[in-house]
Amino acid sequence: MAKRIGLLGGSFDPVHQAHTALALTALQTLGLDEVQLIPAAVPWQRDNLKAAPEHRLRMLEIVAAKHPGLTTNPIEIERGGATYTVETLRAMPAGPHYIWLLGADQLTNFCTWREWREIADRVILAVAVRPGTPLRAPDELAAWLAERHRLLEQLPFQPLDVSASDIRVRLATGASTLGLLDPDVAAYIATHQLYT
């Protein structure tokens, strides 16, 4: 029987407790064999990242080591350059069923992603609800899925009010990040003086 592998991409700048909670929720509720955390090299729809790729990968490795079923996949960092999901999926080994995990906020702009139809063809989309964002596929995606009798998986997720941008501000100003970061990630950030 084919493995079911969840894929959670992102800038992870830095990885925080909401990322971990989302990955663990998907692992348990979607019956996944594992969730791979995939840090972006250069996300094309984002401003420049603050921490170098090797630091963001190392922070993910710290988190993954604590949770059976979570792994890291450096495929995008190793490839370098602008990060496009479709290229990542083309490079994944054949065999497993891949489930792409995304927030409802990402779902709203999914049809702006490069080759979004191919992405939707290669994976099952599993969407986590985020506060203030309705769980509704864009019309174009909804029509595409309906034509193929495909469904969006819904990820019952109680979102945490945590954002990487808020954490970076807190770190830069010396404010507390207690409860927002894994303690060992916080220690790593302090040791390497990231985000100061």
C-alpha atoms as a PDB file:
ATOM      1  CA  MET A   1       0.000   0.000   0.000  1.00  0.00           C
ATOM      2  CA  ALA A   2       1.349   3.413  -0.990  1.00  0.00           C
ATOM      3  CA  LYS A   3       2.603   5.674   1.778  1.00  0.00           C
ATOM      4  CA  ARG A   4       0.719   8.872   2.535  1.00  0.00           C
ATOM      5  CA  ILE A   5       3.202  11.677   2.988  1.00  0.00           C
ATOM      6  CA  GLY A   6       2.250  15.177   4.064  1.00  0.00           C
ATOM      7  CA  LEU A   7       4.304  18.050   2.690  1.00  0.00           C
ATOM      8  CA  LEU A   8       4.467  21.330   4.610  1.00  0.00           C
ATOM      9  CA  GLY A   9       6.440  23.991   2.786  1.00  0.00           C
ATOM     10  CA  GLY A  10       7.236  27.451   4.021  1.00  0.00           C
ATOM     11  CA  SER A  11       9.887  29.988   4.849  1.00  0.00           C
ATOM     12  CA  PHE A  12      10.018  28.838   8.503  1.00  0.00           C
ATOM     13  CA  ASP A  13      11.720  32.109   9.421  1.00  0.00           C
ATOM     14  CA  PRO A  14      11.704  30.928  12.200  1.00  0.00           C
ATOM     15  CA  VAL A  15       9.747  27.687  12.691  1.00  0.00           C
ATOM     16  CA  HIS A  16       7.229  28.250  15.496  1.00  0.00           C
ATOM     17  CA  GLN A  17       4.690  26.328  17.557  1.00  0.00           C
ATOM     18  CA  ALA A  18       1.835  26.829  15.066  1.00  0.00           C
ATOM     19  CA  HIS A  19       3.897  25.158  12.319  1.00  0.00           C
ATOM     20  CA  THR A  20       4.561  22.200  14.599  1.00  0.00           C
ATOM     21  CA  ALA A  21       0.931  21.973  15.692  1.00  0.00           C
ATOM     22  CA  LEU A  22      -0.253  22.015  12.067  1.00  0.00           C
ATOM     23  CA  ALA A  23       2.179  19.244  11.063  1.00  0.00           C
ATOM     24  CA  LEU A  24       1.229  17.059  14.044  1.00  0.00           C
ATOM     25  CA  THR A  25      -2.512  17.623  13.488  1.00  0.00           C
ATOM     26  CA  ALA A  26      -2.147  16.581   9.845  1.00  0.00           C
ATOM     27  CA  LEU A  27      -0.105  13.526  10.822  1.00  0.00           C
ATOM     28  CA  GLN A  28      -2.832  12.326  13.190  1.00  0.00           C
ATOM     29  CA  THR A  29      -6.072  13.349  11.484  1.00  0.00           C
ATOM     30  CA  LEU A  30      -5.163  12.566   7.861  1.00  0.00           C
ATOM     31  CA  GLY A  31      -3.636   9.163   8.600  1.00  0.00           C
ATOM     32  CA  LEU A  32      -0.214  10.143   7.260  1.00  0.00           C
ATOM     33  CA  ASP A  33       2.919   8.034   7.487  1.00  0.00           C
ATOM     34  CA  GLU A  34       5.031  11.159   7.865  1.00  0.00           C
ATOM     35  CA  VAL A  35       5.041  14.905   7.358  1.00  0.00           C
ATOM     36  CA  GLN A  36       8.033  16.409   5.593  1.00  0.00           C
ATOM     37  CA  LEU A  37       8.898  19.991   6.520  1.00  0.00           C
ATOM     38  CA  ILE A  38      10.282  21.706   3.402  1.00  0.00           C
ATOM     39  CA  PRO A  39      12.041  25.045   3.940  1.00  0.00           C
ATOM     40  CA  ALA A  40      11.980  27.345   0.923  1.00  0.00           C
ATOM     41  CA  ALA A  41      15.230  28.604  -0.585  1.00  0.00           C
ATOM     42  CA  VAL A  42      13.893  31.894  -1.984  1.00  0.00           C
ATOM     43  CA  PRO A  43      10.064  32.067  -1.857  1.00  0.00           C
ATOM     44  CA  TRP A  44       9.021  34.019  -4.941  1.00  0.00           C
ATOM     45  CA  GLN A  45       5.966  35.605  -3.289  1.00  0.00           C
ATOM     46  CA  ARG A  46       7.792  36.757  -0.139  1.00  0.00           C
ATOM     47  CA  ASP A  47      10.244  39.465   0.868  1.00  0.00           C
ATOM     48  CA  ASN A  48      13.815  38.464   1.613  1.00  0.00           C
ATOM     49  CA  LEU A  49      14.136  36.004   4.467  1.00  0.00           C
ATOM     50  CA  LYS A  50      15.984  37.073   7.587  1.00  0.00           C
ATOM     51  CA  ALA A  51      17.757  33.815   8.532  1.00  0.00           C
ATOM     52  CA  ALA A  52      20.105  31.960   6.180  1.00  0.00           C
ATOM     53  CA  PRO A  53      18.812  28.680   4.717  1.00  0.00           C
ATOM     54  CA  GLU A  54      21.149  26.515   6.807  1.00  0.00           C
ATOM     55  CA  HIS A  55      19.847  28.116  10.022  1.00  0.00           C
ATOM     56  CA  ARG A  56      16.209  27.654   9.020  1.00  0.00           C
ATOM     57  CA  LEU A  57      16.886  24.011   8.129  1.00  0.00           C
ATOM     58  CA  ARG A  58      18.719  23.387  11.401  1.00  0.00           C
ATOM     59  CA  MET A  59      15.825  24.846  13.427  1.00  0.00           C
ATOM     60  CA  LEU A  60      13.436  22.495  11.611  1.00  0.00           C
ATOM     61  CA  GLU A  61      15.739  19.551  12.345  1.00  0.00           C
ATOM     62  CA  ILE A  62      15.638  20.452  16.050  1.00  0.00           C
ATOM     63  CA  VAL A  63      11.822  20.337  16.004  1.00  0.00           C
ATOM     64  CA  ALA A  64      11.519  17.213  13.847  1.00  0.00           C
ATOM     65  CA  ALA A  65      13.884  15.257  16.107  1.00  0.00           C
ATOM     66  CA  LYS A  66      11.375  15.627  18.962  1.00  0.00           C
ATOM     67  CA  HIS A  67       8.310  14.364  17.110  1.00  0.00           C
ATOM     68  CA  PRO A  68       8.134  10.892  15.539  1.00  0.00           C
ATOM     69  CA  GLY A  69       6.611  11.215  12.088  1.00  0.00           C
ATOM     70  CA  LEU A  70       8.083  14.649  11.354  1.00  0.00           C
ATOM     71  CA  THR A  71      11.093  14.835   9.032  1.00  0.00           C
ATOM     72  CA  THR A  72      12.896  17.599   7.164  1.00  0.00           C
ATOM     73  CA  ASN A  73      13.390  17.698   3.416  1.00  0.00           C
ATOM     74  CA  PRO A  74      16.055  20.170   2.174  1.00  0.00           C
ATOM     75  CA  ILE A  75      15.129  19.678  -1.499  1.00  0.00           C
ATOM     76  CA  GLU A  76      14.401  23.381  -2.159  1.00  0.00           C
ATOM     77  CA  ILE A  77      17.468  24.676  -0.321  1.00  0.00           C
ATOM     78  CA  GLU A  78      19.694  22.194  -2.157  1.00  0.00           C
ATOM     79  CA  ARG A  79      18.200  23.289  -5.481  1.00  0.00           C
ATOM     80  CA  GLY A  80      18.667  26.979  -4.608  1.00  0.00           C
ATOM     81  CA  GLY A  81      17.198  29.966  -6.403  1.00  0.00           C
ATOM     82  CA  ALA A  82      13.537  30.926  -6.598  1.00  0.00           C
ATOM     83  CA  THR A  83      11.303  28.328  -4.987  1.00  0.00           C
ATOM     84  CA  TYR A  84       8.379  26.994  -6.993  1.00  0.00           C
ATOM     85  CA  THR A  85       6.203  24.243  -5.529  1.00  0.00           C
ATOM     86  CA  VAL A  86       5.647  22.618  -8.907  1.00  0.00           C
ATOM     87  CA  GLU A  87       9.402  22.055  -9.376  1.00  0.00           C
ATOM     88  CA  THR A  88       9.636  20.520  -5.910  1.00  0.00           C
ATOM     89  CA  LEU A  89       6.792  18.118  -6.657  1.00  0.00           C
ATOM     90  CA  ARG A  90       8.323  17.102  -9.990  1.00  0.00           C
ATOM     91  CA  ALA A  91      11.506  16.145  -8.123  1.00  0.00           C
ATOM     92  CA  MET A  92       9.770  14.039  -5.444  1.00  0.00           C
ATOM     93  CA  PRO A  93      10.128  10.244  -5.718  1.00  0.00           C
ATOM     94  CA  ALA A  94       7.233   8.448  -7.405  1.00  0.00           C
ATOM     95  CA  GLY A  95       5.164   5.992  -5.372  1.00  0.00           C
ATOM     96  CA  PRO A  96       3.754   7.727  -2.293  1.00  0.00           C
ATOM     97  CA  HIS A  97       0.509   9.688  -2.220  1.00  0.00           C
ATOM     98  CA  TYR A  98       1.496  13.274  -1.407  1.00  0.00           C
ATOM     99  CA  ILE A  99      -0.762  15.561   0.580  1.00  0.00           C
ATOM    100  CA  TRP A 100       0.135  19.252   0.355  1.00  0.00           C
ATOM    101  CA  LEU A 101      -0.726  21.070   3.581  1.00  0.00           C
ATOM    102  CA  LEU A 102      -1.686  24.707   3.334  1.00  0.00           C
ATOM    103  CA  GLY A 103      -3.549  27.366   5.248  1.00  0.00           C
ATOM    104  CA  ALA A 104      -6.850  28.814   4.072  1.00  0.00           C
ATOM    105  CA  ASP A 105      -5.002  32.109   3.446  1.00  0.00           C
ATOM    106  CA  GLN A 106      -2.719  30.312   0.939  1.00  0.00           C
ATOM    107  CA  LEU A 107      -5.726  28.638  -0.650  1.00  0.00           C
ATOM    108  CA  THR A 108      -7.182  32.006  -1.644  1.00  0.00           C
ATOM    109  CA  ASN A 109      -4.158  32.790  -3.838  1.00  0.00           C
ATOM    110  CA  PHE A 110      -3.458  29.200  -4.936  1.00  0.00           C
ATOM    111  CA  CYS A 111      -4.360  29.953  -8.556  1.00  0.00           C
ATOM    112  CA  THR A 112      -1.507  32.506  -8.701  1.00  0.00           C
ATOM    113  CA  TRP A 113       1.053  29.731  -8.065  1.00  0.00           C
ATOM    114  CA  ARG A 114       3.139  28.683 -11.052  1.00  0.00           C
ATOM    115  CA  GLU A 115       1.533  25.698 -12.847  1.00  0.00           C
ATOM    116  CA  TRP A 116      -1.146  25.401 -10.160  1.00  0.00           C
ATOM    117  CA  ARG A 117      -3.140  22.828 -12.159  1.00  0.00           C
ATOM    118  CA  GLU A 118      -0.147  20.509 -12.266  1.00  0.00           C
ATOM    119  CA  ILE A 119       0.346  20.968  -8.516  1.00  0.00           C
ATOM    120  CA  ALA A 120      -3.304  20.079  -7.866  1.00  0.00           C
ATOM    121  CA  ASP A 121      -2.920  17.074 -10.164  1.00  0.00           C
ATOM    122  CA  ARG A 122       0.150  15.760  -8.329  1.00  0.00           C
ATOM    123  CA  VAL A 123      -1.093  16.100  -4.738  1.00  0.00           C
ATOM    124  CA  ILE A 124      -4.159  16.013  -2.541  1.00  0.00           C
ATOM    125  CA  LEU A 125      -4.709  19.488  -1.122  1.00  0.00           C
ATOM    126  CA  ALA A 126      -5.404  19.574   2.622  1.00  0.00           C
ATOM    127  CA  VAL A 127      -6.424  22.958   3.956  1.00  0.00           C
ATOM    128  CA  ALA A 128      -6.153  24.136   7.551  1.00  0.00           C
ATOM    129  CA  VAL A 129      -8.591  26.814   8.599  1.00  0.00           C
ATOM    130  CA  ARG A 130      -7.034  30.104   9.673  1.00  0.00           C
ATOM    131  CA  PRO A 131      -8.866  32.812  11.613  1.00  0.00           C
ATOM    132  CA  GLY A 132     -10.705  35.336   9.471  1.00  0.00           C
ATOM    133  CA  THR A 133     -10.242  33.370   6.238  1.00  0.00           C
ATOM    134  CA  PRO A 134     -13.212  31.402   4.889  1.00  0.00           C
ATOM    135  CA  LEU A 135     -12.454  27.855   3.770  1.00  0.00           C
ATOM    136  CA  ARG A 136     -13.454  28.288   0.152  1.00  0.00           C
ATOM    137  CA  ALA A 137     -11.491  27.364  -2.929  1.00  0.00           C
ATOM    138  CA  PRO A 138     -11.080  30.064  -5.576  1.00  0.00           C
ATOM    139  CA  ASP A 139     -13.683  29.602  -8.330  1.00  0.00           C
ATOM    140  CA  GLU A 140     -11.127  28.404 -10.882  1.00  0.00           C
ATOM    141  CA  LEU A 141      -9.726  25.753  -8.534  1.00  0.00           C
ATOM    142  CA  ALA A 142     -13.206  24.703  -7.379  1.00  0.00           C
ATOM    143  CA  ALA A 143     -14.275  24.159 -11.002  1.00  0.00           C
ATOM    144  CA  TRP A 144     -11.063  22.234 -11.791  1.00  0.00           C
ATOM    145  CA  LEU A 145     -11.561  19.936  -8.774  1.00  0.00           C
ATOM    146  CA  ALA A 146     -15.255  19.397  -9.551  1.00  0.00           C
ATOM    147  CA  GLU A 147     -14.494  18.371 -13.142  1.00  0.00           C
ATOM    148  CA  ARG A 148     -12.162  15.684 -11.818  1.00  0.00           C
ATOM    149  CA  HIS A 149     -14.378  14.621  -8.889  1.00  0.00           C
ATOM    150  CA  ARG A 150     -11.607  15.644  -6.504  1.00  0.00           C
ATOM    151  CA  LEU A 151     -12.121  17.070  -3.034  1.00  0.00           C
ATOM    152  CA  LEU A 152     -10.200  19.447  -0.836  1.00  0.00           C
ATOM    153  CA  GLU A 153      -9.267  17.680   2.390  1.00  0.00           C
ATOM    154  CA  GLN A 154     -10.204  19.757   5.402  1.00  0.00           C
ATOM    155  CA  LEU A 155      -7.773  19.829   8.273  1.00  0.00           C
ATOM    156  CA  PRO A 156      -9.612  20.413  11.555  1.00  0.00           C
ATOM    157  CA  PHE A 157      -7.097  22.763  13.091  1.00  0.00           C
ATOM    158  CA  GLN A 158      -7.492  25.124  15.998  1.00  0.00           C
ATOM    159  CA  PRO A 159      -5.144  27.818  14.753  1.00  0.00           C
ATOM    160  CA  LEU A 160      -2.714  29.446  17.164  1.00  0.00           C
ATOM    161  CA  ASP A 161      -2.312  33.194  17.093  1.00  0.00           C
ATOM    162  CA  VAL A 162       1.381  33.009  16.223  1.00  0.00           C
ATOM    163  CA  SER A 163       3.218  34.579  13.301  1.00  0.00           C
ATOM    164  CA  ALA A 164       6.869  34.490  12.316  1.00  0.00           C
ATOM    165  CA  SER A 165       6.858  38.240  11.612  1.00  0.00           C
ATOM    166  CA  ASP A 166       5.628  38.957  15.167  1.00  0.00           C
ATOM    167  CA  ILE A 167       8.277  36.616  16.583  1.00  0.00           C
ATOM    168  CA  ARG A 168      11.020  38.372  14.599  1.00  0.00           C
ATOM    169  CA  VAL A 169       9.897  41.737  15.987  1.00  0.00           C
ATOM    170  CA  ARG A 170       9.919  40.320  19.517  1.00  0.00           C
ATOM    171  CA  LEU A 171      13.402  38.878  19.043  1.00  0.00           C
ATOM    172  CA  ALA A 172      14.714  42.143  17.573  1.00  0.00           C
ATOM    173  CA  THR A 173      13.322  44.200  20.473  1.00  0.00           C
ATOM    174  CA  GLY A 174      14.185  41.742  23.243  1.00  0.00           C
ATOM    175  CA  ALA A 175      10.534  40.952  24.027  1.00  0.00           C
ATOM    176  CA  SER A 176       9.535  37.506  25.294  1.00  0.00           C
ATOM    177  CA  THR A 177       8.813  34.679  22.877  1.00  0.00           C
ATOM    178  CA  LEU A 178       7.786  32.292  25.656  1.00  0.00           C
ATOM    179  CA  GLY A 179       5.301  29.709  24.349  1.00  0.00           C
ATOM    180  CA  LEU A 180       5.795  30.767  20.726  1.00  0.00           C
ATOM    181  CA  LEU A 181       8.988  28.851  19.954  1.00  0.00           C
ATOM    182  CA  ASP A 182      10.303  25.435  20.866  1.00  0.00           C
ATOM    183  CA  PRO A 183      12.749  26.135  23.750  1.00  0.00           C
ATOM    184  CA  ASP A 184      15.639  24.511  21.878  1.00  0.00           C
ATOM    185  CA  VAL A 185      14.867  26.597  18.783  1.00  0.00           C
ATOM    186  CA  ALA A 186      14.840  29.717  20.982  1.00  0.00           C
ATOM    187  CA  ALA A 187      18.227  28.665  22.400  1.00  0.00           C
ATOM    188  CA  TYR A 188      19.591  28.095  18.877  1.00  0.00           C
ATOM    189  CA  ILE A 189      18.407  31.562  17.811  1.00  0.00           C
ATOM    190  CA  ALA A 190      20.080  33.126  20.843  1.00  0.00           C
ATOM    191  CA  THR A 191      23.335  31.223  20.302  1.00  0.00           C
ATOM    192  CA  HIS A 192      23.580  32.297  16.675  1.00  0.00           C
ATOM    193  CA  GLN A 193      22.209  35.796  17.348  1.00  0.00           C
ATOM    194  CA  LEU A 194      19.540  35.474  14.660  1.00  0.00           C
ATOM    195  CA  TYR A 195      16.914  38.202  14.156  1.00  0.00           C
ATOM    196  CA  THR A 196      18.711  40.718  16.394  1.00  0.00           C
END
